[in-house]
Amino acid sequence: MMPIFKNRMDAGRKLAGELGEYANRKDVILLALPRGGVPVAYEIAKQLKVPMDIFLIRKLGVPGNEELAMGAIDSEDVRVLNQDIIRSFGISDRTIAKVAAEERRELHRRERLYRGDRKRPELKGRTVILIDDGLATGATMLAAVKALRSKNPSNLVIAVPVASLDTCRAFEREVDDIICGATPEPFYGVGAWYEDFRQVTDEEVCDMLEKSMSLQKPEED
């Protein structure tokens, strides 16, 4: 098994090549899932010359096996639960509520840190492209899709550098388009396909968001 990408920036540059139809379009906005999706989206935003922002969502990890998602929650408290995993592990409603409360606190912390007093972008009538560094179970992305539908975008698109083939296919029913750069089988997990899959820091997220603002300043007529 060989890595496909050097790091998330490399993955973003490669994925941008598959998103050419969205370049230079005023109706398009990229929404990155922090923290891993931000470097990917930043490279795409630079190449396509479209604005980017973040969409805050947190995985609800199974206690004792936190990498396994039993669901996800967004900053507006929209929850999506994986009932198969919940049943398999015998997870109680009380445990789910406790994990959700912890992740909700983290969402609020990140909202203050990343966004500050900057308003959330208007999404109604726009083409929204959700970006992450990969899809495994897809629980986090599914929560984002369900939450964003209420914002009434004209089109909702998912773009990821690498994904499980089954998950990629499952999302075809959920969104208007999905671009999975690579769908290796067997999958092994997202991080297996990156040489460098270290955690992205809050400081790096803030830095890329600040730099992205300068990319999208309108030109003077």
C-alpha atoms as a PDB file:
ATOM      1  CA  MET A   1       0.000   0.000   0.000  1.00  0.00           C
ATOM      2  CA  MET A   2       1.472   3.325  -1.107  1.00  0.00           C
ATOM      3  CA  PRO A   3       0.330   6.793  -0.008  1.00  0.00           C
ATOM      4  CA  ILE A   4      -1.456   8.789  -2.719  1.00  0.00           C
ATOM      5  CA  PHE A   5      -0.777  12.264  -1.299  1.00  0.00           C
ATOM      6  CA  LYS A   6       2.222  13.937   0.328  1.00  0.00           C
ATOM      7  CA  ASN A   7      -0.026  15.958   2.638  1.00  0.00           C
ATOM      8  CA  ARG A   8      -3.375  17.771   2.673  1.00  0.00           C
ATOM      9  CA  MET A   9      -2.090  20.667   0.564  1.00  0.00           C
ATOM     10  CA  ASP A  10      -0.946  18.244  -2.128  1.00  0.00           C
ATOM     11  CA  ALA A  11      -4.360  16.558  -1.955  1.00  0.00           C
ATOM     12  CA  GLY A  12      -6.098  19.909  -2.396  1.00  0.00           C
ATOM     13  CA  ARG A  13      -4.034  20.824  -5.437  1.00  0.00           C
ATOM     14  CA  LYS A  14      -4.815  17.476  -7.060  1.00  0.00           C
ATOM     15  CA  LEU A  15      -8.512  17.669  -6.215  1.00  0.00           C
ATOM     16  CA  ALA A  16      -8.738  21.175  -7.665  1.00  0.00           C
ATOM     17  CA  GLY A  17      -7.941  19.678 -11.058  1.00  0.00           C
ATOM     18  CA  GLU A  18     -11.239  17.787 -10.920  1.00  0.00           C
ATOM     19  CA  LEU A  19     -13.288  20.858 -10.017  1.00  0.00           C
ATOM     20  CA  GLY A  20     -12.524  23.045 -13.013  1.00  0.00           C
ATOM     21  CA  GLU A  21     -16.195  23.586 -13.880  1.00  0.00           C
ATOM     22  CA  TYR A  22     -16.609  25.564 -10.643  1.00  0.00           C
ATOM     23  CA  ALA A  23     -13.687  27.960 -11.232  1.00  0.00           C
ATOM     24  CA  ASN A  24     -14.268  31.729 -11.194  1.00  0.00           C
ATOM     25  CA  ARG A  25     -17.986  31.351 -10.450  1.00  0.00           C
ATOM     26  CA  LYS A  26     -19.540  33.996  -8.234  1.00  0.00           C
ATOM     27  CA  ASP A  27     -22.233  31.606  -6.970  1.00  0.00           C
ATOM     28  CA  VAL A  28     -19.707  29.053  -5.664  1.00  0.00           C
ATOM     29  CA  ILE A  29     -18.418  28.843  -2.100  1.00  0.00           C
ATOM     30  CA  LEU A  30     -16.186  26.182  -0.543  1.00  0.00           C
ATOM     31  CA  LEU A  31     -17.016  25.101   2.999  1.00  0.00           C
ATOM     32  CA  ALA A  32     -14.227  23.202   4.731  1.00  0.00           C
ATOM     33  CA  LEU A  33     -14.821  20.819   7.617  1.00  0.00           C
ATOM     34  CA  PRO A  34     -12.203  21.810  10.242  1.00  0.00           C
ATOM     35  CA  ARG A  35      -9.611  21.052  10.890  1.00  0.00           C
ATOM     36  CA  GLY A  36      -8.435  18.571   8.271  1.00  0.00           C
ATOM     37  CA  GLY A  37     -10.532  19.952   5.438  1.00  0.00           C
ATOM     38  CA  VAL A  38      -9.154  23.486   5.711  1.00  0.00           C
ATOM     39  CA  PRO A  39      -5.738  22.983   4.010  1.00  0.00           C
ATOM     40  CA  VAL A  40      -7.470  21.009   1.238  1.00  0.00           C
ATOM     41  CA  ALA A  41     -10.048  23.755   0.674  1.00  0.00           C
ATOM     42  CA  TYR A  42      -7.444  26.522   0.845  1.00  0.00           C
ATOM     43  CA  GLU A  43      -5.460  25.057  -2.042  1.00  0.00           C
ATOM     44  CA  ILE A  44      -8.661  24.574  -4.070  1.00  0.00           C
ATOM     45  CA  ALA A  45      -9.786  28.154  -3.360  1.00  0.00           C
ATOM     46  CA  LYS A  46      -6.450  29.478  -4.625  1.00  0.00           C
ATOM     47  CA  GLN A  47      -6.630  27.504  -7.866  1.00  0.00           C
ATOM     48  CA  LEU A  48     -10.333  27.991  -8.624  1.00  0.00           C
ATOM     49  CA  LYS A  49     -10.421  31.605  -7.418  1.00  0.00           C
ATOM     50  CA  VAL A  50     -13.560  31.082  -5.356  1.00  0.00           C
ATOM     51  CA  PRO A  51     -14.268  32.015  -1.715  1.00  0.00           C
ATOM     52  CA  MET A  52     -13.938  29.581   1.161  1.00  0.00           C
ATOM     53  CA  ASP A  53     -15.216  29.406   4.708  1.00  0.00           C
ATOM     54  CA  ILE A  54     -15.681  26.733   7.355  1.00  0.00           C
ATOM     55  CA  PHE A  55     -18.596  24.582   8.444  1.00  0.00           C
ATOM     56  CA  LEU A  56     -18.230  23.456  12.026  1.00  0.00           C
ATOM     57  CA  ILE A  57     -19.138  19.861  12.728  1.00  0.00           C
ATOM     58  CA  ARG A  58     -17.858  17.346  15.276  1.00  0.00           C
ATOM     59  CA  LYS A  59     -17.754  13.584  15.232  1.00  0.00           C
ATOM     60  CA  LEU A  60     -19.403  11.772  18.146  1.00  0.00           C
ATOM     61  CA  GLY A  61     -16.848   9.075  18.921  1.00  0.00           C
ATOM     62  CA  VAL A  62     -17.635   5.760  20.576  1.00  0.00           C
ATOM     63  CA  PRO A  63     -16.292   5.949  24.174  1.00  0.00           C
ATOM     64  CA  GLY A  64     -13.069   3.969  24.342  1.00  0.00           C
ATOM     65  CA  ASN A  65     -12.864   3.845  20.540  1.00  0.00           C
ATOM     66  CA  GLU A  66     -13.129   7.533  19.703  1.00  0.00           C
ATOM     67  CA  GLU A  67     -11.979   7.189  16.089  1.00  0.00           C
ATOM     68  CA  LEU A  68     -15.152   5.214  15.379  1.00  0.00           C
ATOM     69  CA  ALA A  69     -18.063   7.592  14.760  1.00  0.00           C
ATOM     70  CA  MET A  70     -21.446   6.855  16.280  1.00  0.00           C
ATOM     71  CA  GLY A  71     -22.682  10.119  14.807  1.00  0.00           C
ATOM     72  CA  ALA A  72     -21.913  13.816  14.490  1.00  0.00           C
ATOM     73  CA  ILE A  73     -23.174  17.208  15.662  1.00  0.00           C
ATOM     74  CA  ASP A  74     -22.968  20.689  14.118  1.00  0.00           C
ATOM     75  CA  SER A  75     -22.758  24.158  15.691  1.00  0.00           C
ATOM     76  CA  GLU A  76     -26.541  24.568  15.405  1.00  0.00           C
ATOM     77  CA  ASP A  77     -27.099  21.292  17.309  1.00  0.00           C
ATOM     78  CA  VAL A  78     -28.171  19.200  14.313  1.00  0.00           C
ATOM     79  CA  ARG A  79     -27.319  15.582  15.179  1.00  0.00           C
ATOM     80  CA  VAL A  80     -26.994  12.549  12.925  1.00  0.00           C
ATOM     81  CA  LEU A  81     -26.606   9.164  14.621  1.00  0.00           C
ATOM     82  CA  ASN A  82     -25.362   5.847  13.246  1.00  0.00           C
ATOM     83  CA  GLN A  83     -27.912   3.499  14.767  1.00  0.00           C
ATOM     84  CA  ASP A  84     -26.065   0.376  13.575  1.00  0.00           C
ATOM     85  CA  ILE A  85     -22.951   1.306  15.566  1.00  0.00           C
ATOM     86  CA  ILE A  86     -25.011   2.434  18.563  1.00  0.00           C
ATOM     87  CA  ARG A  87     -26.798  -0.917  18.665  1.00  0.00           C
ATOM     88  CA  SER A  88     -23.609  -2.923  18.071  1.00  0.00           C
ATOM     89  CA  PHE A  89     -21.840  -1.298  21.029  1.00  0.00           C
ATOM     90  CA  GLY A  90     -24.924  -1.050  23.246  1.00  0.00           C
ATOM     91  CA  ILE A  91     -24.477   2.711  23.672  1.00  0.00           C
ATOM     92  CA  SER A  92     -27.085   4.336  25.922  1.00  0.00           C
ATOM     93  CA  ASP A  93     -28.939   7.597  25.281  1.00  0.00           C
ATOM     94  CA  ARG A  94     -27.231   9.000  28.374  1.00  0.00           C
ATOM     95  CA  THR A  95     -23.785   8.238  26.953  1.00  0.00           C
ATOM     96  CA  ILE A  96     -24.706   9.811  23.612  1.00  0.00           C
ATOM     97  CA  ALA A  97     -25.943  12.949  25.397  1.00  0.00           C
ATOM     98  CA  LYS A  98     -22.717  13.183  27.426  1.00  0.00           C
ATOM     99  CA  VAL A  99     -20.477  12.862  24.359  1.00  0.00           C
ATOM    100  CA  ALA A 100     -22.656  15.356  22.451  1.00  0.00           C
ATOM    101  CA  ALA A 101     -22.387  17.896  25.293  1.00  0.00           C
ATOM    102  CA  GLU A 102     -18.586  17.634  25.267  1.00  0.00           C
ATOM    103  CA  GLU A 103     -18.418  18.090  21.509  1.00  0.00           C
ATOM    104  CA  ARG A 104     -20.892  20.994  21.671  1.00  0.00           C
ATOM    105  CA  ARG A 105     -18.506  22.840  23.992  1.00  0.00           C
ATOM    106  CA  GLU A 106     -15.677  22.261  21.538  1.00  0.00           C
ATOM    107  CA  LEU A 107     -17.843  23.521  18.661  1.00  0.00           C
ATOM    108  CA  HIS A 108     -18.582  26.747  20.533  1.00  0.00           C
ATOM    109  CA  ARG A 109     -14.881  27.198  21.335  1.00  0.00           C
ATOM    110  CA  ARG A 110     -13.931  26.780  17.696  1.00  0.00           C
ATOM    111  CA  GLU A 111     -16.723  29.083  16.531  1.00  0.00           C
ATOM    112  CA  ARG A 112     -15.328  31.866  18.702  1.00  0.00           C
ATOM    113  CA  LEU A 113     -11.728  31.125  17.744  1.00  0.00           C
ATOM    114  CA  TYR A 114     -12.111  30.658  13.990  1.00  0.00           C
ATOM    115  CA  ARG A 115     -14.918  33.069  13.209  1.00  0.00           C
ATOM    116  CA  GLY A 116     -14.708  35.719  15.911  1.00  0.00           C
ATOM    117  CA  ASP A 117     -17.173  38.442  14.969  1.00  0.00           C
ATOM    118  CA  ARG A 118     -17.198  37.483  11.288  1.00  0.00           C
ATOM    119  CA  LYS A 119     -20.672  36.581  10.056  1.00  0.00           C
ATOM    120  CA  ARG A 120     -21.504  33.189   8.645  1.00  0.00           C
ATOM    121  CA  PRO A 121     -21.730  33.354   4.842  1.00  0.00           C
ATOM    122  CA  GLU A 122     -25.076  33.566   3.057  1.00  0.00           C
ATOM    123  CA  LEU A 123     -25.677  30.197   1.391  1.00  0.00           C
ATOM    124  CA  LYS A 124     -29.180  30.549  -0.035  1.00  0.00           C
ATOM    125  CA  GLY A 125     -29.173  30.103  -3.806  1.00  0.00           C
ATOM    126  CA  ARG A 126     -25.439  29.343  -3.962  1.00  0.00           C
ATOM    127  CA  THR A 127     -23.472  26.304  -5.058  1.00  0.00           C
ATOM    128  CA  VAL A 128     -21.911  24.991  -1.857  1.00  0.00           C
ATOM    129  CA  ILE A 129     -18.955  22.603  -2.128  1.00  0.00           C
ATOM    130  CA  LEU A 130     -18.224  20.743   1.101  1.00  0.00           C
ATOM    131  CA  ILE A 131     -14.550  19.846   1.484  1.00  0.00           C
ATOM    132  CA  ASP A 132     -12.824  17.393   3.818  1.00  0.00           C
ATOM    133  CA  ASP A 133      -9.540  15.469   3.725  1.00  0.00           C
ATOM    134  CA  GLY A 134     -11.379  12.180   3.108  1.00  0.00           C
ATOM    135  CA  LEU A 135     -14.455  10.081   3.817  1.00  0.00           C
ATOM    136  CA  ALA A 136     -14.489   6.874   5.860  1.00  0.00           C
ATOM    137  CA  THR A 137     -17.902   6.233   7.443  1.00  0.00           C
ATOM    138  CA  GLY A 138     -19.160   9.624   6.277  1.00  0.00           C
ATOM    139  CA  ALA A 139     -21.060  10.341   9.515  1.00  0.00           C
ATOM    140  CA  THR A 140     -19.543  13.798   9.936  1.00  0.00           C
ATOM    141  CA  MET A 141     -20.154  14.732   6.312  1.00  0.00           C
ATOM    142  CA  LEU A 142     -23.734  13.445   6.447  1.00  0.00           C
ATOM    143  CA  ALA A 143     -24.468  15.700   9.420  1.00  0.00           C
ATOM    144  CA  ALA A 144     -23.046  18.633   7.472  1.00  0.00           C
ATOM    145  CA  VAL A 145     -25.195  17.815   4.434  1.00  0.00           C
ATOM    146  CA  LYS A 146     -28.379  17.570   6.490  1.00  0.00           C
ATOM    147  CA  ALA A 147     -27.648  20.825   8.302  1.00  0.00           C
ATOM    148  CA  LEU A 148     -26.794  22.678   5.107  1.00  0.00           C
ATOM    149  CA  ARG A 149     -29.964  21.604   3.314  1.00  0.00           C
ATOM    150  CA  SER A 150     -31.865  23.910   5.662  1.00  0.00           C
ATOM    151  CA  LYS A 151     -29.822  26.850   4.296  1.00  0.00           C
ATOM    152  CA  ASN A 152     -31.407  26.358   0.844  1.00  0.00           C
ATOM    153  CA  PRO A 153     -28.331  26.246  -1.415  1.00  0.00           C
ATOM    154  CA  SER A 154     -29.111  25.852  -5.113  1.00  0.00           C
ATOM    155  CA  ASN A 155     -26.611  22.976  -5.356  1.00  0.00           C
ATOM    156  CA  LEU A 156     -24.811  20.953  -2.714  1.00  0.00           C
ATOM    157  CA  VAL A 157     -21.591  19.232  -3.756  1.00  0.00           C
ATOM    158  CA  ILE A 158     -19.073  17.099  -1.840  1.00  0.00           C
ATOM    159  CA  ALA A 159     -15.422  17.015  -2.875  1.00  0.00           C
ATOM    160  CA  VAL A 160     -12.800  14.907  -1.099  1.00  0.00           C
ATOM    161  CA  PRO A 161      -9.363  13.649  -2.158  1.00  0.00           C
ATOM    162  CA  VAL A 162      -9.971  10.059  -1.023  1.00  0.00           C
ATOM    163  CA  ALA A 163     -12.929   7.999   0.158  1.00  0.00           C
ATOM    164  CA  SER A 164     -14.302   4.543   0.740  1.00  0.00           C
ATOM    165  CA  LEU A 165     -16.036   3.481  -2.468  1.00  0.00           C
ATOM    166  CA  ASP A 166     -19.174   2.401  -0.598  1.00  0.00           C
ATOM    167  CA  THR A 167     -19.386   5.724   1.237  1.00  0.00           C
ATOM    168  CA  CYS A 168     -18.829   7.678  -1.962  1.00  0.00           C
ATOM    169  CA  ARG A 169     -21.663   5.793  -3.656  1.00  0.00           C
ATOM    170  CA  ALA A 170     -23.970   6.253  -0.670  1.00  0.00           C
ATOM    171  CA  PHE A 171     -23.595  10.028  -0.896  1.00  0.00           C
ATOM    172  CA  GLU A 172     -24.791  10.058  -4.499  1.00  0.00           C
ATOM    173  CA  ARG A 173     -28.317   9.927  -3.056  1.00  0.00           C
ATOM    174  CA  GLU A 174     -27.667  12.772  -0.630  1.00  0.00           C
ATOM    175  CA  VAL A 175     -26.138  15.537  -2.753  1.00  0.00           C
ATOM    176  CA  ASP A 176     -26.282  16.997  -6.247  1.00  0.00           C
ATOM    177  CA  ASP A 177     -22.745  15.870  -7.071  1.00  0.00           C
ATOM    178  CA  ILE A 178     -19.858  14.141  -5.346  1.00  0.00           C
ATOM    179  CA  ILE A 179     -16.236  14.132  -6.426  1.00  0.00           C
ATOM    180  CA  CYS A 180     -14.018  11.519  -4.773  1.00  0.00           C
ATOM    181  CA  GLY A 181     -10.494  11.912  -6.114  1.00  0.00           C
ATOM    182  CA  ALA A 182      -9.532   8.321  -5.269  1.00  0.00           C
ATOM    183  CA  THR A 183     -11.500   5.325  -3.981  1.00  0.00           C
ATOM    184  CA  PRO A 184      -8.869   2.700  -3.133  1.00  0.00           C
ATOM    185  CA  GLU A 185      -9.994  -0.769  -2.077  1.00  0.00           C
ATOM    186  CA  PRO A 186      -9.508  -2.047   0.546  1.00  0.00           C
ATOM    187  CA  PHE A 187      -9.785   1.367   2.162  1.00  0.00           C
ATOM    188  CA  TYR A 188      -7.862   1.158   5.509  1.00  0.00           C
ATOM    189  CA  GLY A 189      -8.960   4.659   6.644  1.00  0.00           C
ATOM    190  CA  VAL A 190      -8.293   8.199   5.434  1.00  0.00           C
ATOM    191  CA  GLY A 191      -4.866   8.690   7.027  1.00  0.00           C
ATOM    192  CA  ALA A 192      -3.405   5.615   5.335  1.00  0.00           C
ATOM    193  CA  TRP A 193      -3.319   7.450   1.994  1.00  0.00           C
ATOM    194  CA  TYR A 194      -1.257  10.419   3.203  1.00  0.00           C
ATOM    195  CA  GLU A 195       2.487  10.480   3.831  1.00  0.00           C
ATOM    196  CA  ASP A 196       1.944  13.323   6.328  1.00  0.00           C
ATOM    197  CA  PHE A 197      -1.390  13.169   8.157  1.00  0.00           C
ATOM    198  CA  ARG A 198      -0.459  15.104  11.285  1.00  0.00           C
ATOM    199  CA  GLN A 199      -3.217  17.037  13.001  1.00  0.00           C
ATOM    200  CA  VAL A 200      -3.890  20.517  11.677  1.00  0.00           C
ATOM    201  CA  THR A 201      -3.575  23.091  14.475  1.00  0.00           C
ATOM    202  CA  ASP A 202      -6.038  25.833  15.378  1.00  0.00           C
ATOM    203  CA  GLU A 203      -3.347  28.363  14.507  1.00  0.00           C
ATOM    204  CA  GLU A 204      -2.986  26.915  11.011  1.00  0.00           C
ATOM    205  CA  VAL A 205      -6.752  27.017  10.496  1.00  0.00           C
ATOM    206  CA  CYS A 206      -6.937  30.670  11.565  1.00  0.00           C
ATOM    207  CA  ASP A 207      -3.966  31.566   9.359  1.00  0.00           C
ATOM    208  CA  MET A 208      -5.460  29.939   6.252  1.00  0.00           C
ATOM    209  CA  LEU A 209      -8.873  31.491   6.869  1.00  0.00           C
ATOM    210  CA  GLU A 210      -7.275  34.922   7.194  1.00  0.00           C
ATOM    211  CA  LYS A 211      -5.260  34.415   4.012  1.00  0.00           C
ATOM    212  CA  SER A 212      -8.361  33.187   2.178  1.00  0.00           C
ATOM    213  CA  MET A 213     -10.092  36.492   2.929  1.00  0.00           C
ATOM    214  CA  SER A 214      -7.498  38.308   0.826  1.00  0.00           C
ATOM    215  CA  LEU A 215      -8.146  35.906  -2.062  1.00  0.00           C
ATOM    216  CA  GLN A 216     -11.810  36.856  -2.260  1.00  0.00           C
ATOM    217  CA  LYS A 217     -11.728  40.628  -1.981  1.00  0.00           C
ATOM    218  CA  PRO A 218     -13.767  41.967  -4.909  1.00  0.00           C
ATOM    219  CA  GLU A 219     -11.892  43.812  -7.604  1.00  0.00           C
ATOM    220  CA  GLU A 220     -12.660  47.497  -8.015  1.00  0.00           C
ATOM    221  CA  ASP A 221     -14.652  48.399 -11.134  1.00  0.00           C
END
